[in-house]
C-alpha cells in the first residue's frame, strides 16, 4: 500500500512509464501529481493495481509546490545522470 509522499511508477494508461508522487487517497484511489501534466491543483486518480512503488518517499516539504515536485521527480523520469 502506498502512502502520501511515495514515488510510484505508472504501469498502465496514458501516463505509463512516468513517475509521480502520491498526494493522498480519495474513494480508495491514490491521487497522483508529477508537477507538470498533473499538478497539485488537479491530481490524477489512479487504480492502485496500475502503480508500482519506486521505494522512495519525498519529504512533506517537497509536496508544497509543483516546481519542487518536478525537481524531485526529474531523476526518475529522465535518468539518474540528468542535470537538475
C-alpha atoms as a PDB file:
ATOM      1  CA  UNK A   1       0.000   0.000   0.000  1.00  0.00           C
ATOM      2  CA  UNK A   2       1.428   3.366  -0.990  1.00  0.00           C
ATOM      3  CA  UNK A   3       1.132   6.406   1.257  1.00  0.00           C
ATOM      4  CA  UNK A   4       1.444  10.176   0.922  1.00  0.00           C
ATOM      5  CA  UNK A   5       4.841  11.196  -0.396  1.00  0.00           C
ATOM      6  CA  UNK A   6       5.706   7.846  -2.006  1.00  0.00           C
ATOM      7  CA  UNK A   7       7.155   7.951  -5.509  1.00  0.00           C
ATOM      8  CA  UNK A   8       5.399   5.496  -7.832  1.00  0.00           C
ATOM      9  CA  UNK A   9       5.747   4.412 -11.437  1.00  0.00           C
ATOM     10  CA  UNK A  10       2.582   4.242 -13.534  1.00  0.00           C
ATOM     11  CA  UNK A  11       2.307   0.856 -15.242  1.00  0.00           C
ATOM     12  CA  UNK A  12      -0.871   1.284 -17.331  1.00  0.00           C
ATOM     13  CA  UNK A  13      -2.766   4.011 -19.110  1.00  0.00           C
ATOM     14  CA  UNK A  14      -1.849   7.188 -20.952  1.00  0.00           C
ATOM     15  CA  UNK A  15       0.907   8.065 -18.462  1.00  0.00           C
ATOM     16  CA  UNK A  16       2.512   4.574 -18.417  1.00  0.00           C
ATOM     17  CA  UNK A  17       6.215   4.697 -17.601  1.00  0.00           C
ATOM     18  CA  UNK A  18       6.104   8.068 -15.861  1.00  0.00           C
ATOM     19  CA  UNK A  19       6.867   8.614 -12.200  1.00  0.00           C
ATOM     20  CA  UNK A  20       4.549  10.547  -9.892  1.00  0.00           C
ATOM     21  CA  UNK A  21       4.159  11.211  -6.198  1.00  0.00           C
ATOM     22  CA  UNK A  22       1.158  10.175  -4.104  1.00  0.00           C
ATOM     23  CA  UNK A  23      -0.632  13.178  -2.607  1.00  0.00           C
ATOM     24  CA  UNK A  24      -3.334  11.278  -0.747  1.00  0.00           C
ATOM     25  CA  UNK A  25      -6.311   8.968  -1.227  1.00  0.00           C
ATOM     26  CA  UNK A  26      -9.891   9.548  -2.385  1.00  0.00           C
ATOM     27  CA  UNK A  27     -12.540   6.812  -2.515  1.00  0.00           C
ATOM     28  CA  UNK A  28      -9.912   4.057  -2.387  1.00  0.00           C
ATOM     29  CA  UNK A  29      -7.787   5.509  -5.206  1.00  0.00           C
ATOM     30  CA  UNK A  30      -4.443   7.308  -4.810  1.00  0.00           C
ATOM     31  CA  UNK A  31      -4.199  10.884  -6.081  1.00  0.00           C
ATOM     32  CA  UNK A  32      -1.021  11.448  -8.105  1.00  0.00           C
ATOM     33  CA  UNK A  33       0.882  14.533  -9.226  1.00  0.00           C
ATOM     34  CA  UNK A  34       4.014  14.989 -11.316  1.00  0.00           C
ATOM     35  CA  UNK A  35       4.176  18.790 -11.145  1.00  0.00           C
ATOM     36  CA  UNK A  36       3.817  19.190 -14.912  1.00  0.00           C
ATOM     37  CA  UNK A  37       0.838  17.434 -16.507  1.00  0.00           C
ATOM     38  CA  UNK A  38      -0.747  16.507 -13.178  1.00  0.00           C
ATOM     39  CA  UNK A  39      -0.467  19.457 -10.822  1.00  0.00           C
ATOM     40  CA  UNK A  40      -1.258  19.844  -7.148  1.00  0.00           C
ATOM     41  CA  UNK A  41      -4.495  21.593  -8.124  1.00  0.00           C
ATOM     42  CA  UNK A  42      -5.565  18.782 -10.492  1.00  0.00           C
ATOM     43  CA  UNK A  43      -4.117  15.438  -9.361  1.00  0.00           C
ATOM     44  CA  UNK A  44      -4.799  12.203 -11.262  1.00  0.00           C
ATOM     45  CA  UNK A  45      -6.879   9.497  -9.579  1.00  0.00           C
ATOM     46  CA  UNK A  46      -5.354   6.127 -10.479  1.00  0.00           C
ATOM     47  CA  UNK A  47      -6.154   2.471  -9.820  1.00  0.00           C
ATOM     48  CA  UNK A  48      -3.583   1.206  -7.279  1.00  0.00           C
ATOM     49  CA  UNK A  49      -3.163  -2.005  -9.316  1.00  0.00           C
ATOM     50  CA  UNK A  50      -1.633   0.119 -12.081  1.00  0.00           C
ATOM     51  CA  UNK A  51       1.129   1.505  -9.839  1.00  0.00           C
ATOM     52  CA  UNK A  52       4.499   0.215  -8.714  1.00  0.00           C
ATOM     53  CA  UNK A  53       6.290   1.744  -5.735  1.00  0.00           C
ATOM     54  CA  UNK A  54       9.741   3.112  -6.551  1.00  0.00           C
ATOM     55  CA  UNK A  55      10.954   2.549  -2.994  1.00  0.00           C
ATOM     56  CA  UNK A  56      11.463   6.261  -2.374  1.00  0.00           C
ATOM     57  CA  UNK A  57       9.402   8.809  -0.495  1.00  0.00           C
ATOM     58  CA  UNK A  58       9.554  12.595  -0.721  1.00  0.00           C
ATOM     59  CA  UNK A  59       9.619  14.738   2.381  1.00  0.00           C
ATOM     60  CA  UNK A  60       6.458  16.651   3.242  1.00  0.00           C
ATOM     61  CA  UNK A  61       8.163  19.970   2.421  1.00  0.00           C
ATOM     62  CA  UNK A  62       8.715  18.757  -1.164  1.00  0.00           C
ATOM     63  CA  UNK A  63       4.948  18.395  -1.676  1.00  0.00           C
ATOM     64  CA  UNK A  64       4.170  22.107  -1.334  1.00  0.00           C
ATOM     65  CA  UNK A  65       4.661  23.260  -4.945  1.00  0.00           C
ATOM     66  CA  UNK A  66       4.620  21.837  -8.463  1.00  0.00           C
ATOM     67  CA  UNK A  67       8.147  23.125  -9.042  1.00  0.00           C
ATOM     68  CA  UNK A  68       9.542  21.173  -6.086  1.00  0.00           C
ATOM     69  CA  UNK A  69       7.746  18.004  -7.209  1.00  0.00           C
ATOM     70  CA  UNK A  70       9.127  18.360 -10.766  1.00  0.00           C
ATOM     71  CA  UNK A  71      12.634  18.858  -9.402  1.00  0.00           C
ATOM     72  CA  UNK A  72      12.384  15.831  -7.087  1.00  0.00           C
ATOM     73  CA  UNK A  73      10.980  13.549  -9.831  1.00  0.00           C
ATOM     74  CA  UNK A  74      13.408  14.674 -12.545  1.00  0.00           C
ATOM     75  CA  UNK A  75      15.995  11.904 -11.906  1.00  0.00           C
ATOM     76  CA  UNK A  76      13.239   9.259 -12.059  1.00  0.00           C
ATOM     77  CA  UNK A  77      11.626  10.498 -15.279  1.00  0.00           C
ATOM     78  CA  UNK A  78      14.782  11.495 -17.173  1.00  0.00           C
ATOM     79  CA  UNK A  79      17.506   9.219 -15.760  1.00  0.00           C
ATOM     80  CA  UNK A  80      19.914   9.422 -12.867  1.00  0.00           C
ATOM     81  CA  UNK A  81      22.605  11.222 -14.870  1.00  0.00           C
ATOM     82  CA  UNK A  82      20.389  14.116 -15.989  1.00  0.00           C
ATOM     83  CA  UNK A  83      21.269  17.539 -14.581  1.00  0.00           C
ATOM     84  CA  UNK A  84      18.729  19.334 -12.381  1.00  0.00           C
END
